[in-house]
Amino acid sequence: MNDRGQKPAVIGFDTSNYRTSAAVVTLDGEILADYRELLPVSEGERGLRQSEAVFAHIRQLRNCEELIRPRAGEFMIEAVAASVKPRDGEESYMPVFQVGHTAGCVLAAALNVPFYETTHQRGHLAAAQHGTSLEDAEQMLALHLSGGTTDLLEVDRERIRLLGGSADLHAGQLVDRAGVALGLPFPAGEALEALAVRGRSEARLGCSLEAGDLTCHLSGAETKVQEWIRKAEISREDIAREIYDLLARTIVRMLRAGSRETGITRALVTGGVASSPLLRQLLEERRQKTNGCPEMVFGKPERSGDNAVGVALIGVKRLERTSQEEISSHGR
């Protein structure tokens, strides 16, 4: 606390393909502000071009002021963090993240505080871990399920190693493409799930995996679903349920393969697709019937979709590490 009673905090930004997000988190992990706004997508469309998304983020970032300003007297920004690319790796790049990157750099310079870069994927993991039994885990498996990733990961404090994932379509793309074809709004997850809870599955979509079940294929399932929709052979509710049932069967097999590969027995399941209560239920039911599948840990549903809370939490840890290093260097 400073003389004005303000809590030291970190502000984080995340400007993904789906949402404009900003969050303020105190150094002890209290979430003071959590702004999230979907990017506007026209009816019948399956997303935005990168240039359109960039302009949408620029417009929407101004709206976070309404959430943050009323509480501004409660905290003092000690650092700023932003996701600057989708995931680790030199080749990882997407223009939308430059909006949050730029906003974060400018704000940090204006406040004369440190600016920390991270990735969208690391932000997802940190947000989902927060408040769970895996928050301080030294090592874990993670499955990141979204419109842009279906990544099976081995995670420790120093690195993220890609074990497997989708060779074609991502889990969120399957959900969104099927949903839009059924006349649902984009992103289609909530609306498709509402249909699925009223449907029945007979496992008519077969799992397609390779590389010892570490790699999946989902494009064939989309082709079959589009055929069902065109021919009106199956009810909308049953089509939706078949999709969620396929995802549950595929995910359990991938997690079991990841556990066999690494020996790790606990897994964090996160990403927008993983926020679905129905998918979580189906996953747990199938895990209990499957030998060798690791324990699955889910973050809060609101922390599984795109958000800046994890980015801010990463900034908190980076700030603490920097402070400790400075103390150490002064003590020498």
C-alpha atoms as a PDB file:
ATOM      1  CA  MET A   1       0.000   0.000   0.000  1.00  0.00           C
ATOM      2  CA  ASN A   2       1.165   3.564  -0.683  1.00  0.00           C
ATOM      3  CA  ASP A   3       0.335   6.694   1.327  1.00  0.00           C
ATOM      4  CA  ARG A   4      -3.021   7.036  -0.435  1.00  0.00           C
ATOM      5  CA  GLY A   5      -4.046   3.490   0.477  1.00  0.00           C
ATOM      6  CA  GLN A   6      -3.918   2.310  -3.140  1.00  0.00           C
ATOM      7  CA  LYS A   7      -3.122  -1.326  -3.865  1.00  0.00           C
ATOM      8  CA  PRO A   8      -0.128  -1.981  -6.161  1.00  0.00           C
ATOM      9  CA  ALA A   9      -1.416  -3.707  -9.305  1.00  0.00           C
ATOM     10  CA  VAL A  10      -0.627  -4.807 -12.845  1.00  0.00           C
ATOM     11  CA  ILE A  11      -2.805  -4.077 -15.878  1.00  0.00           C
ATOM     12  CA  GLY A  12      -2.911  -6.602 -18.723  1.00  0.00           C
ATOM     13  CA  PHE A  13      -4.133  -6.403 -22.327  1.00  0.00           C
ATOM     14  CA  ASP A  14      -5.163  -9.177 -24.724  1.00  0.00           C
ATOM     15  CA  THR A  15      -6.461  -8.407 -28.229  1.00  0.00           C
ATOM     16  CA  SER A  16      -7.280 -11.778 -29.779  1.00  0.00           C
ATOM     17  CA  ASN A  17      -9.304 -12.889 -32.797  1.00  0.00           C
ATOM     18  CA  TYR A  18     -12.414 -13.076 -30.608  1.00  0.00           C
ATOM     19  CA  ARG A  19     -12.250 -10.476 -27.825  1.00  0.00           C
ATOM     20  CA  THR A  20     -10.826  -7.178 -26.679  1.00  0.00           C
ATOM     21  CA  SER A  21      -9.729  -7.689 -23.070  1.00  0.00           C
ATOM     22  CA  ALA A  22      -8.150  -5.690 -20.263  1.00  0.00           C
ATOM     23  CA  ALA A  23      -7.728  -6.617 -16.607  1.00  0.00           C
ATOM     24  CA  VAL A  24      -6.300  -5.142 -13.413  1.00  0.00           C
ATOM     25  CA  VAL A  25      -4.867  -7.594 -10.863  1.00  0.00           C
ATOM     26  CA  THR A  26      -3.259  -6.735  -7.513  1.00  0.00           C
ATOM     27  CA  LEU A  27       0.109  -8.167  -6.517  1.00  0.00           C
ATOM     28  CA  ASP A  28      -1.672 -10.652  -4.231  1.00  0.00           C
ATOM     29  CA  GLY A  29      -3.881 -11.925  -7.059  1.00  0.00           C
ATOM     30  CA  GLU A  30      -7.108 -10.004  -6.429  1.00  0.00           C
ATOM     31  CA  ILE A  31      -8.919  -9.231  -9.689  1.00  0.00           C
ATOM     32  CA  LEU A  32     -10.048  -5.603  -9.526  1.00  0.00           C
ATOM     33  CA  ALA A  33     -11.251  -5.203 -13.110  1.00  0.00           C
ATOM     34  CA  ASP A  34     -11.976  -7.664 -15.916  1.00  0.00           C
ATOM     35  CA  TYR A  35     -13.141  -6.091 -19.179  1.00  0.00           C
ATOM     36  CA  ARG A  36     -14.021  -8.375 -22.090  1.00  0.00           C
ATOM     37  CA  GLU A  37     -15.898  -7.466 -25.266  1.00  0.00           C
ATOM     38  CA  LEU A  38     -16.508  -9.714 -28.252  1.00  0.00           C
ATOM     39  CA  LEU A  39     -15.442  -8.434 -31.642  1.00  0.00           C
ATOM     40  CA  PRO A  40     -18.496  -7.553 -33.779  1.00  0.00           C
ATOM     41  CA  VAL A  41     -19.169 -10.174 -36.476  1.00  0.00           C
ATOM     42  CA  SER A  42     -21.976  -9.826 -39.033  1.00  0.00           C
ATOM     43  CA  GLU A  43     -24.714 -12.449 -39.124  1.00  0.00           C
ATOM     44  CA  GLY A  44     -23.713 -15.499 -41.138  1.00  0.00           C
ATOM     45  CA  GLU A  45     -19.990 -14.682 -41.012  1.00  0.00           C
ATOM     46  CA  ARG A  46     -17.365 -16.898 -39.346  1.00  0.00           C
ATOM     47  CA  GLY A  47     -15.062 -14.198 -38.065  1.00  0.00           C
ATOM     48  CA  LEU A  48     -13.264 -11.029 -39.139  1.00  0.00           C
ATOM     49  CA  ARG A  49     -10.343 -10.312 -41.432  1.00  0.00           C
ATOM     50  CA  GLN A  50      -7.250  -9.310 -39.472  1.00  0.00           C
ATOM     51  CA  SER A  51      -7.509  -5.700 -40.684  1.00  0.00           C
ATOM     52  CA  GLU A  52     -11.158  -5.520 -39.558  1.00  0.00           C
ATOM     53  CA  ALA A  53     -10.300  -7.050 -36.200  1.00  0.00           C
ATOM     54  CA  VAL A  54      -7.470  -4.557 -35.651  1.00  0.00           C
ATOM     55  CA  PHE A  55      -9.834  -1.605 -36.208  1.00  0.00           C
ATOM     56  CA  ALA A  56     -12.452  -3.208 -33.934  1.00  0.00           C
ATOM     57  CA  HIS A  57      -9.888  -3.582 -31.143  1.00  0.00           C
ATOM     58  CA  ILE A  58      -8.842   0.052 -31.479  1.00  0.00           C
ATOM     59  CA  ARG A  59     -12.474   1.156 -31.110  1.00  0.00           C
ATOM     60  CA  GLN A  60     -13.289  -1.239 -28.279  1.00  0.00           C
ATOM     61  CA  LEU A  61     -10.213  -0.628 -26.136  1.00  0.00           C
ATOM     62  CA  ARG A  62     -11.695   2.773 -25.305  1.00  0.00           C
ATOM     63  CA  ASN A  63     -14.660   1.012 -23.674  1.00  0.00           C
ATOM     64  CA  CYS A  64     -12.526  -0.551 -20.946  1.00  0.00           C
ATOM     65  CA  GLU A  65     -12.247   2.924 -19.434  1.00  0.00           C
ATOM     66  CA  GLU A  66     -15.852   2.621 -18.201  1.00  0.00           C
ATOM     67  CA  LEU A  67     -14.926  -0.471 -16.176  1.00  0.00           C
ATOM     68  CA  ILE A  68     -11.520   0.630 -14.930  1.00  0.00           C
ATOM     69  CA  ARG A  69     -12.017   4.354 -14.200  1.00  0.00           C
ATOM     70  CA  PRO A  70     -14.592   3.924 -11.363  1.00  0.00           C
ATOM     71  CA  ARG A  71     -12.063   1.808  -9.430  1.00  0.00           C
ATOM     72  CA  ALA A  72      -8.953   3.744 -10.439  1.00  0.00           C
ATOM     73  CA  GLY A  73      -8.601   5.301  -6.986  1.00  0.00           C
ATOM     74  CA  GLU A  74      -8.192   1.839  -5.441  1.00  0.00           C
ATOM     75  CA  PHE A  75      -4.950   0.874  -7.165  1.00  0.00           C
ATOM     76  CA  MET A  76      -1.651   2.124  -8.512  1.00  0.00           C
ATOM     77  CA  ILE A  77      -0.248   0.522 -11.657  1.00  0.00           C
ATOM     78  CA  GLU A  78       3.221  -0.904 -10.976  1.00  0.00           C
ATOM     79  CA  ALA A  79       3.627  -2.687 -14.335  1.00  0.00           C
ATOM     80  CA  VAL A  80       1.854  -3.336 -17.640  1.00  0.00           C
ATOM     81  CA  ALA A  81       1.688  -6.633 -19.542  1.00  0.00           C
ATOM     82  CA  ALA A  82       0.274  -7.640 -22.926  1.00  0.00           C
ATOM     83  CA  SER A  83       0.032 -10.708 -25.106  1.00  0.00           C
ATOM     84  CA  VAL A  84       2.047  -9.865 -28.209  1.00  0.00           C
ATOM     85  CA  LYS A  85       1.584 -13.045 -30.251  1.00  0.00           C
ATOM     86  CA  PRO A  86      -0.499 -16.247 -30.215  1.00  0.00           C
ATOM     87  CA  ARG A  87       2.041 -18.653 -28.694  1.00  0.00           C
ATOM     88  CA  ASP A  88       5.744 -19.197 -28.044  1.00  0.00           C
ATOM     89  CA  GLY A  89       8.030 -19.418 -31.076  1.00  0.00           C
ATOM     90  CA  GLU A  90       9.706 -17.021 -33.482  1.00  0.00           C
ATOM     91  CA  GLU A  91       7.221 -17.858 -36.254  1.00  0.00           C
ATOM     92  CA  SER A  92       4.132 -17.082 -34.158  1.00  0.00           C
ATOM     93  CA  TYR A  93       2.550 -13.799 -35.278  1.00  0.00           C
ATOM     94  CA  MET A  94      -0.891 -12.275 -35.742  1.00  0.00           C
ATOM     95  CA  PRO A  95      -1.595  -8.564 -36.420  1.00  0.00           C
ATOM     96  CA  VAL A  96      -4.457  -8.289 -33.897  1.00  0.00           C
ATOM     97  CA  PHE A  97      -2.072  -8.654 -30.964  1.00  0.00           C
ATOM     98  CA  GLN A  98      -0.201  -5.512 -32.013  1.00  0.00           C
ATOM     99  CA  VAL A  99      -3.119  -3.398 -30.732  1.00  0.00           C
ATOM    100  CA  GLY A 100      -2.742  -4.598 -27.142  1.00  0.00           C
ATOM    101  CA  HIS A 101       1.054  -4.563 -27.517  1.00  0.00           C
ATOM    102  CA  THR A 102       1.031  -0.913 -28.588  1.00  0.00           C
ATOM    103  CA  ALA A 103      -1.472   0.161 -25.920  1.00  0.00           C
ATOM    104  CA  GLY A 104       0.595  -1.596 -23.244  1.00  0.00           C
ATOM    105  CA  CYS A 105       3.904  -0.078 -24.370  1.00  0.00           C
ATOM    106  CA  VAL A 106       2.479   3.453 -24.477  1.00  0.00           C
ATOM    107  CA  LEU A 107       0.791   3.147 -21.072  1.00  0.00           C
ATOM    108  CA  ALA A 108       3.921   1.710 -19.448  1.00  0.00           C
ATOM    109  CA  ALA A 109       6.058   4.509 -20.892  1.00  0.00           C
ATOM    110  CA  ALA A 110       3.595   7.164 -19.719  1.00  0.00           C
ATOM    111  CA  LEU A 111       3.551   5.725 -16.189  1.00  0.00           C
ATOM    112  CA  ASN A 112       7.294   4.992 -16.209  1.00  0.00           C
ATOM    113  CA  VAL A 113       6.714   1.380 -15.133  1.00  0.00           C
ATOM    114  CA  PRO A 114       7.991  -1.924 -16.589  1.00  0.00           C
ATOM    115  CA  PHE A 115       6.302  -3.457 -19.634  1.00  0.00           C
ATOM    116  CA  TYR A 116       6.211  -7.251 -19.928  1.00  0.00           C
ATOM    117  CA  GLU A 117       5.493  -9.237 -23.078  1.00  0.00           C
ATOM    118  CA  THR A 118       3.799 -12.625 -23.010  1.00  0.00           C
ATOM    119  CA  THR A 119       1.702 -14.771 -25.343  1.00  0.00           C
ATOM    120  CA  HIS A 120      -2.012 -15.354 -25.710  1.00  0.00           C
ATOM    121  CA  GLN A 121      -1.575 -19.046 -24.929  1.00  0.00           C
ATOM    122  CA  ARG A 122       0.421 -18.409 -21.754  1.00  0.00           C
ATOM    123  CA  GLY A 123      -2.282 -15.963 -20.690  1.00  0.00           C
ATOM    124  CA  HIS A 124      -4.930 -18.660 -21.167  1.00  0.00           C
ATOM    125  CA  LEU A 125      -2.986 -21.114 -19.032  1.00  0.00           C
ATOM    126  CA  ALA A 126      -2.345 -18.598 -16.245  1.00  0.00           C
ATOM    127  CA  ALA A 127      -6.003 -17.504 -16.106  1.00  0.00           C
ATOM    128  CA  ALA A 128      -7.283 -21.087 -16.003  1.00  0.00           C
ATOM    129  CA  GLN A 129      -4.750 -22.098 -13.322  1.00  0.00           C
ATOM    130  CA  HIS A 130      -5.679 -19.189 -11.049  1.00  0.00           C
ATOM    131  CA  GLY A 131      -7.443 -20.438  -7.939  1.00  0.00           C
ATOM    132  CA  THR A 132      -7.120 -24.144  -8.835  1.00  0.00           C
ATOM    133  CA  SER A 133      -5.015 -26.987  -7.466  1.00  0.00           C
ATOM    134  CA  LEU A 134      -2.627 -26.479 -10.404  1.00  0.00           C
ATOM    135  CA  GLU A 135      -1.913 -22.810  -9.683  1.00  0.00           C
ATOM    136  CA  ASP A 136       1.584 -23.506  -8.369  1.00  0.00           C
ATOM    137  CA  ALA A 137       2.194 -26.781 -10.238  1.00  0.00           C
ATOM    138  CA  GLU A 138       5.816 -27.438 -11.170  1.00  0.00           C
ATOM    139  CA  GLN A 139       4.702 -29.503 -14.164  1.00  0.00           C
ATOM    140  CA  MET A 140       1.429 -30.389 -15.887  1.00  0.00           C
ATOM    141  CA  LEU A 141      -0.197 -31.361 -19.129  1.00  0.00           C
ATOM    142  CA  ALA A 142      -2.428 -28.757 -20.747  1.00  0.00           C
ATOM    143  CA  LEU A 143      -4.918 -28.887 -23.575  1.00  0.00           C
ATOM    144  CA  HIS A 144      -5.707 -25.495 -25.109  1.00  0.00           C
ATOM    145  CA  LEU A 145      -8.982 -25.653 -27.051  1.00  0.00           C
ATOM    146  CA  SER A 146     -10.076 -22.601 -29.009  1.00  0.00           C
ATOM    147  CA  GLY A 147     -10.812 -21.294 -32.477  1.00  0.00           C
ATOM    148  CA  GLY A 148      -7.101 -20.982 -33.190  1.00  0.00           C
ATOM    149  CA  THR A 149      -5.588 -23.825 -31.185  1.00  0.00           C
ATOM    150  CA  THR A 150      -6.089 -27.452 -30.305  1.00  0.00           C
ATOM    151  CA  ASP A 151      -2.718 -27.840 -28.629  1.00  0.00           C
ATOM    152  CA  LEU A 152      -1.631 -30.647 -26.318  1.00  0.00           C
ATOM    153  CA  LEU A 153       1.167 -29.229 -24.179  1.00  0.00           C
ATOM    154  CA  GLU A 154       3.720 -30.240 -21.584  1.00  0.00           C
ATOM    155  CA  VAL A 155       4.141 -27.249 -19.279  1.00  0.00           C
ATOM    156  CA  ASP A 156       6.694 -26.502 -16.586  1.00  0.00           C
ATOM    157  CA  ARG A 157       7.909 -23.260 -15.023  1.00  0.00           C
ATOM    158  CA  GLU A 158      10.454 -22.634 -17.768  1.00  0.00           C
ATOM    159  CA  ARG A 159       8.942 -23.827 -21.000  1.00  0.00           C
ATOM    160  CA  ILE A 160       5.948 -25.058 -22.949  1.00  0.00           C
ATOM    161  CA  ARG A 161       6.527 -28.086 -25.188  1.00  0.00           C
ATOM    162  CA  LEU A 162       4.043 -28.958 -27.919  1.00  0.00           C
ATOM    163  CA  LEU A 163       3.242 -32.668 -27.723  1.00  0.00           C
ATOM    164  CA  GLY A 164       0.474 -32.797 -30.302  1.00  0.00           C
ATOM    165  CA  GLY A 165      -2.768 -31.242 -31.425  1.00  0.00           C
ATOM    166  CA  SER A 166      -4.934 -30.918 -34.500  1.00  0.00           C
ATOM    167  CA  ALA A 167      -3.410 -31.491 -37.924  1.00  0.00           C
ATOM    168  CA  ASP A 168      -6.186 -29.525 -39.628  1.00  0.00           C
ATOM    169  CA  LEU A 169      -9.267 -27.970 -38.050  1.00  0.00           C
ATOM    170  CA  HIS A 170      -9.266 -26.679 -34.474  1.00  0.00           C
ATOM    171  CA  ALA A 171     -11.951 -27.571 -31.938  1.00  0.00           C
ATOM    172  CA  GLY A 172     -13.364 -24.050 -31.881  1.00  0.00           C
ATOM    173  CA  GLN A 173     -13.457 -23.920 -35.682  1.00  0.00           C
ATOM    174  CA  LEU A 174     -15.520 -27.111 -35.786  1.00  0.00           C
ATOM    175  CA  VAL A 175     -17.967 -25.650 -33.273  1.00  0.00           C
ATOM    176  CA  ASP A 176     -18.189 -22.272 -35.018  1.00  0.00           C
ATOM    177  CA  ARG A 177     -18.458 -23.584 -38.581  1.00  0.00           C
ATOM    178  CA  ALA A 178     -21.164 -26.061 -37.647  1.00  0.00           C
ATOM    179  CA  GLY A 179     -22.968 -23.429 -35.593  1.00  0.00           C
ATOM    180  CA  VAL A 180     -22.963 -20.807 -38.354  1.00  0.00           C
ATOM    181  CA  ALA A 181     -24.174 -23.450 -40.847  1.00  0.00           C
ATOM    182  CA  LEU A 182     -27.058 -24.121 -38.448  1.00  0.00           C
ATOM    183  CA  GLY A 183     -27.915 -20.413 -38.450  1.00  0.00           C
ATOM    184  CA  LEU A 184     -26.374 -19.618 -35.059  1.00  0.00           C
ATOM    185  CA  PRO A 185     -24.428 -16.417 -34.278  1.00  0.00           C
ATOM    186  CA  PHE A 186     -20.621 -16.345 -34.286  1.00  0.00           C
ATOM    187  CA  PRO A 187     -18.920 -17.368 -32.038  1.00  0.00           C
ATOM    188  CA  ALA A 188     -21.347 -20.259 -31.831  1.00  0.00           C
ATOM    189  CA  GLY A 189     -20.259 -22.122 -28.683  1.00  0.00           C
ATOM    190  CA  GLU A 190     -23.034 -21.104 -26.264  1.00  0.00           C
ATOM    191  CA  ALA A 191     -25.826 -21.430 -28.810  1.00  0.00           C
ATOM    192  CA  LEU A 192     -24.571 -24.794 -30.096  1.00  0.00           C
ATOM    193  CA  GLU A 193     -24.286 -26.105 -26.553  1.00  0.00           C
ATOM    194  CA  ALA A 194     -27.881 -25.016 -25.862  1.00  0.00           C
ATOM    195  CA  LEU A 195     -28.932 -27.246 -28.756  1.00  0.00           C
ATOM    196  CA  ALA A 196     -26.642 -30.086 -27.693  1.00  0.00           C
ATOM    197  CA  VAL A 197     -28.069 -30.409 -24.167  1.00  0.00           C
ATOM    198  CA  ARG A 198     -31.417 -31.291 -25.787  1.00  0.00           C
ATOM    199  CA  GLY A 199     -29.911 -33.771 -28.251  1.00  0.00           C
ATOM    200  CA  ARG A 200     -28.718 -37.374 -28.232  1.00  0.00           C
ATOM    201  CA  SER A 201     -25.498 -38.868 -29.566  1.00  0.00           C
ATOM    202  CA  GLU A 202     -24.889 -42.267 -31.082  1.00  0.00           C
ATOM    203  CA  ALA A 203     -21.149 -41.641 -31.734  1.00  0.00           C
ATOM    204  CA  ARG A 204     -21.814 -41.251 -35.454  1.00  0.00           C
ATOM    205  CA  LEU A 205     -18.680 -39.107 -35.841  1.00  0.00           C
ATOM    206  CA  GLY A 206     -15.607 -41.306 -35.605  1.00  0.00           C
ATOM    207  CA  CYS A 207     -12.425 -40.148 -33.866  1.00  0.00           C
ATOM    208  CA  SER A 208      -9.519 -39.641 -36.262  1.00  0.00           C
ATOM    209  CA  LEU A 209      -6.144 -39.725 -34.507  1.00  0.00           C
ATOM    210  CA  GLU A 210      -2.566 -40.562 -35.371  1.00  0.00           C
ATOM    211  CA  ALA A 211       0.958 -40.404 -33.881  1.00  0.00           C
ATOM    212  CA  GLY A 212      -0.076 -42.592 -30.974  1.00  0.00           C
ATOM    213  CA  ASP A 213      -3.236 -40.504 -30.399  1.00  0.00           C
ATOM    214  CA  LEU A 214      -1.253 -37.289 -29.902  1.00  0.00           C
ATOM    215  CA  THR A 215      -2.533 -35.765 -33.155  1.00  0.00           C
ATOM    216  CA  CYS A 216      -6.185 -35.459 -34.190  1.00  0.00           C
ATOM    217  CA  HIS A 217      -8.052 -34.614 -37.385  1.00  0.00           C
ATOM    218  CA  LEU A 218     -11.373 -32.754 -37.199  1.00  0.00           C
ATOM    219  CA  SER A 219     -11.935 -31.644 -40.809  1.00  0.00           C
ATOM    220  CA  GLY A 220     -13.590 -34.946 -41.723  1.00  0.00           C
ATOM    221  CA  ALA A 221     -16.093 -34.442 -38.917  1.00  0.00           C
ATOM    222  CA  GLU A 222     -16.921 -30.981 -40.242  1.00  0.00           C
ATOM    223  CA  THR A 223     -17.503 -32.386 -43.740  1.00  0.00           C
ATOM    224  CA  LYS A 224     -19.917 -34.976 -42.322  1.00  0.00           C
ATOM    225  CA  VAL A 225     -21.738 -32.394 -40.207  1.00  0.00           C
ATOM    226  CA  GLN A 226     -22.167 -30.070 -43.194  1.00  0.00           C
ATOM    227  CA  GLU A 227     -23.625 -33.017 -45.139  1.00  0.00           C
ATOM    228  CA  TRP A 228     -26.110 -33.748 -42.336  1.00  0.00           C
ATOM    229  CA  ILE A 229     -27.165 -30.094 -42.305  1.00  0.00           C
ATOM    230  CA  ARG A 230     -27.648 -29.956 -46.095  1.00  0.00           C
ATOM    231  CA  LYS A 231     -29.667 -33.174 -46.200  1.00  0.00           C
ATOM    232  CA  ALA A 232     -31.573 -32.450 -42.971  1.00  0.00           C
ATOM    233  CA  GLU A 233     -31.082 -36.100 -42.020  1.00  0.00           C
ATOM    234  CA  ILE A 234     -30.524 -35.462 -38.312  1.00  0.00           C
ATOM    235  CA  SER A 235     -32.111 -32.965 -35.957  1.00  0.00           C
ATOM    236  CA  ARG A 236     -30.191 -29.788 -35.107  1.00  0.00           C
ATOM    237  CA  GLU A 237     -30.059 -30.891 -31.477  1.00  0.00           C
ATOM    238  CA  ASP A 238     -28.580 -34.292 -32.311  1.00  0.00           C
ATOM    239  CA  ILE A 239     -26.009 -32.770 -34.683  1.00  0.00           C
ATOM    240  CA  ALA A 240     -24.836 -30.467 -31.892  1.00  0.00           C
ATOM    241  CA  ARG A 241     -24.678 -33.336 -29.401  1.00  0.00           C
ATOM    242  CA  GLU A 242     -22.651 -35.467 -31.823  1.00  0.00           C
ATOM    243  CA  ILE A 243     -20.073 -32.665 -32.073  1.00  0.00           C
ATOM    244  CA  TYR A 244     -19.622 -32.393 -28.315  1.00  0.00           C
ATOM    245  CA  ASP A 245     -19.517 -36.162 -27.951  1.00  0.00           C
ATOM    246  CA  LEU A 246     -16.789 -36.385 -30.619  1.00  0.00           C
ATOM    247  CA  LEU A 247     -14.736 -33.683 -28.914  1.00  0.00           C
ATOM    248  CA  ALA A 248     -14.993 -35.462 -25.556  1.00  0.00           C
ATOM    249  CA  ARG A 249     -13.881 -38.807 -27.011  1.00  0.00           C
ATOM    250  CA  THR A 250     -11.020 -37.187 -28.928  1.00  0.00           C
ATOM    251  CA  ILE A 251      -9.778 -35.098 -25.984  1.00  0.00           C
ATOM    252  CA  VAL A 252      -9.716 -38.031 -23.566  1.00  0.00           C
ATOM    253  CA  ARG A 253      -7.679 -40.113 -25.996  1.00  0.00           C
ATOM    254  CA  MET A 254      -5.216 -37.256 -26.560  1.00  0.00           C
ATOM    255  CA  LEU A 255      -4.809 -36.622 -22.834  1.00  0.00           C
ATOM    256  CA  ARG A 256      -4.248 -40.308 -22.182  1.00  0.00           C
ATOM    257  CA  ALA A 257      -1.582 -40.325 -24.894  1.00  0.00           C
ATOM    258  CA  GLY A 258       0.047 -37.231 -23.393  1.00  0.00           C
ATOM    259  CA  SER A 259       0.149 -38.840 -19.968  1.00  0.00           C
ATOM    260  CA  ARG A 260       1.662 -41.999 -21.447  1.00  0.00           C
ATOM    261  CA  GLU A 261       4.283 -39.914 -23.272  1.00  0.00           C
ATOM    262  CA  THR A 262       5.321 -37.802 -20.274  1.00  0.00           C
ATOM    263  CA  GLY A 263       4.276 -39.683 -17.143  1.00  0.00           C
ATOM    264  CA  ILE A 264       2.320 -36.611 -15.971  1.00  0.00           C
ATOM    265  CA  THR A 265      -0.981 -37.482 -14.305  1.00  0.00           C
ATOM    266  CA  ARG A 266      -2.726 -34.087 -14.092  1.00  0.00           C
ATOM    267  CA  ALA A 267      -3.946 -31.905 -16.940  1.00  0.00           C
ATOM    268  CA  LEU A 268      -5.315 -28.381 -17.256  1.00  0.00           C
ATOM    269  CA  VAL A 269      -8.043 -28.081 -19.899  1.00  0.00           C
ATOM    270  CA  THR A 270      -8.594 -24.503 -21.055  1.00  0.00           C
ATOM    271  CA  GLY A 271      -9.591 -22.258 -23.961  1.00  0.00           C
ATOM    272  CA  GLY A 272     -12.978 -20.979 -25.050  1.00  0.00           C
ATOM    273  CA  VAL A 273     -14.254 -24.430 -26.024  1.00  0.00           C
ATOM    274  CA  ALA A 274     -13.340 -25.741 -22.559  1.00  0.00           C
ATOM    275  CA  SER A 275     -15.670 -23.216 -20.895  1.00  0.00           C
ATOM    276  CA  SER A 276     -18.639 -25.380 -21.954  1.00  0.00           C
ATOM    277  CA  PRO A 277     -20.334 -27.056 -18.944  1.00  0.00           C
ATOM    278  CA  LEU A 278     -21.619 -29.825 -21.241  1.00  0.00           C
ATOM    279  CA  LEU A 279     -18.154 -30.619 -22.583  1.00  0.00           C
ATOM    280  CA  ARG A 280     -16.743 -30.671 -19.054  1.00  0.00           C
ATOM    281  CA  GLN A 281     -19.462 -33.105 -17.999  1.00  0.00           C
ATOM    282  CA  LEU A 282     -18.869 -35.395 -20.983  1.00  0.00           C
ATOM    283  CA  LEU A 283     -15.110 -35.308 -20.437  1.00  0.00           C
ATOM    284  CA  GLU A 284     -15.361 -36.273 -16.783  1.00  0.00           C
ATOM    285  CA  GLU A 285     -17.841 -39.082 -17.532  1.00  0.00           C
ATOM    286  CA  ARG A 286     -15.542 -40.507 -20.200  1.00  0.00           C
ATOM    287  CA  ARG A 287     -12.389 -40.068 -18.088  1.00  0.00           C
ATOM    288  CA  GLN A 288     -13.883 -42.179 -15.329  1.00  0.00           C
ATOM    289  CA  LYS A 289     -14.392 -45.004 -17.825  1.00  0.00           C
ATOM    290  CA  THR A 290     -10.905 -44.730 -19.378  1.00  0.00           C
ATOM    291  CA  ASN A 291      -7.797 -46.273 -17.874  1.00  0.00           C
ATOM    292  CA  GLY A 292      -4.681 -44.105 -17.968  1.00  0.00           C
ATOM    293  CA  CYS A 293      -6.428 -40.777 -18.512  1.00  0.00           C
ATOM    294  CA  PRO A 294      -4.977 -38.037 -16.299  1.00  0.00           C
ATOM    295  CA  GLU A 295      -7.015 -36.081 -13.791  1.00  0.00           C
ATOM    296  CA  MET A 296      -8.549 -33.067 -15.545  1.00  0.00           C
ATOM    297  CA  VAL A 297      -8.577 -29.647 -13.899  1.00  0.00           C
ATOM    298  CA  PHE A 298     -10.746 -26.855 -15.296  1.00  0.00           C
ATOM    299  CA  GLY A 299     -10.479 -23.162 -14.513  1.00  0.00           C
ATOM    300  CA  LYS A 300     -13.547 -21.048 -13.890  1.00  0.00           C
ATOM    301  CA  PRO A 301     -15.641 -20.911 -17.099  1.00  0.00           C
ATOM    302  CA  GLU A 302     -15.224 -17.137 -17.340  1.00  0.00           C
ATOM    303  CA  ARG A 303     -11.441 -17.588 -17.183  1.00  0.00           C
ATOM    304  CA  SER A 304     -11.345 -20.259 -19.898  1.00  0.00           C
ATOM    305  CA  GLY A 305     -12.355 -18.024 -22.792  1.00  0.00           C
ATOM    306  CA  ASP A 306     -10.178 -15.203 -24.093  1.00  0.00           C
ATOM    307  CA  ASN A 307      -9.393 -12.740 -21.299  1.00  0.00           C
ATOM    308  CA  ALA A 308      -6.599 -10.513 -19.998  1.00  0.00           C
ATOM    309  CA  VAL A 309      -6.607 -11.771 -16.400  1.00  0.00           C
ATOM    310  CA  GLY A 310      -3.936 -14.377 -17.118  1.00  0.00           C
ATOM    311  CA  VAL A 311      -1.804 -11.788 -18.902  1.00  0.00           C
ATOM    312  CA  ALA A 312      -1.986  -9.503 -15.856  1.00  0.00           C
ATOM    313  CA  LEU A 313      -1.169 -12.424 -13.529  1.00  0.00           C
ATOM    314  CA  ILE A 314       1.916 -13.181 -15.613  1.00  0.00           C
ATOM    315  CA  GLY A 315       2.871  -9.515 -15.263  1.00  0.00           C
ATOM    316  CA  VAL A 316       2.527  -9.840 -11.471  1.00  0.00           C
ATOM    317  CA  LYS A 317       4.931 -12.793 -11.413  1.00  0.00           C
ATOM    318  CA  ARG A 318       7.401 -11.058 -13.710  1.00  0.00           C
ATOM    319  CA  LEU A 319       7.338  -7.945 -11.510  1.00  0.00           C
ATOM    320  CA  GLU A 320       7.914 -10.008  -8.366  1.00  0.00           C
ATOM    321  CA  ARG A 321      10.816 -11.830 -10.022  1.00  0.00           C
ATOM    322  CA  THR A 322      12.367  -8.541 -11.147  1.00  0.00           C
ATOM    323  CA  SER A 323      12.034  -7.080  -7.637  1.00  0.00           C
ATOM    324  CA  GLN A 324      13.662 -10.154  -6.082  1.00  0.00           C
ATOM    325  CA  GLU A 325      16.541  -9.991  -8.572  1.00  0.00           C
ATOM    326  CA  GLU A 326      17.089  -6.310  -7.746  1.00  0.00           C
ATOM    327  CA  ILE A 327      17.129  -7.026  -4.012  1.00  0.00           C
ATOM    328  CA  SER A 328      19.621  -9.852  -4.611  1.00  0.00           C
ATOM    329  CA  SER A 329      21.898  -7.670  -6.723  1.00  0.00           C
ATOM    330  CA  HIS A 330      21.905  -4.882  -4.097  1.00  0.00           C
ATOM    331  CA  GLY A 331      22.810  -7.396  -1.398  1.00  0.00           C
ATOM    332  CA  ARG A 332      25.963  -8.510  -3.162  1.00  0.00           C
END
